[in-house]
Each structure stands twice: as C-alpha cells, then as structure tokens.
C-alpha cells in the first residue's frame, strides 16, 4: 500500500504552492519520515519539512421519504510538505 494517496488541489493549498508547500492525503498510519521518503522518491525533490494533521470522520444523517439514513465519512490524514528553495512539484505533467 502506498504512503501517498493523492495530492490536495484546493484553492487554499494551491496558493501555498508559490511558497514551496504542497498538500497530500496520506496513509493514516504513515509517519513524517515515511512521507518525506515517498515524496522525494516520487517527485525527485528535496523535502525540507513535513507537517501532518489527522481528521476524524464526521457523522452524517440524510432524511429521505422512506427512512433516515445515517453514516460516517472516512477519517484521513493530511500532510503539508515543504520542499527546498527553488524546487517545485508539477502535478499536471502527466495529463
């Protein structure tokens, strides 16, 4: 199973790309060292810093005509990776 699941491409994270910070959704059990090695191997950049955040799943309820449907969204872990000065990660190169 891969450490990096997908890059985060939102307006807030994209504005941080100019300062060398990139966001990724990562495996919930991955630590900062594993995330750093995975980004360096996949994108060929030097990682200066890794910050992680864990998000708990939220309860969701939807009311339909026949019944109430309750569930929970997935929990996930987000990593903000700072690369060395002058280096960039291009997410759109493979498109």
Foldseek 3Di string as FASTA:
>chain_A
DFFFDAWDDDPVQVVCQVVQKTKTWGAPPDDPVSVQVRCCVPQVFHWDDKDKDKACWDKDWDDDPPGIDIDIDHITMMMITGTDPPDHGDPPPVD
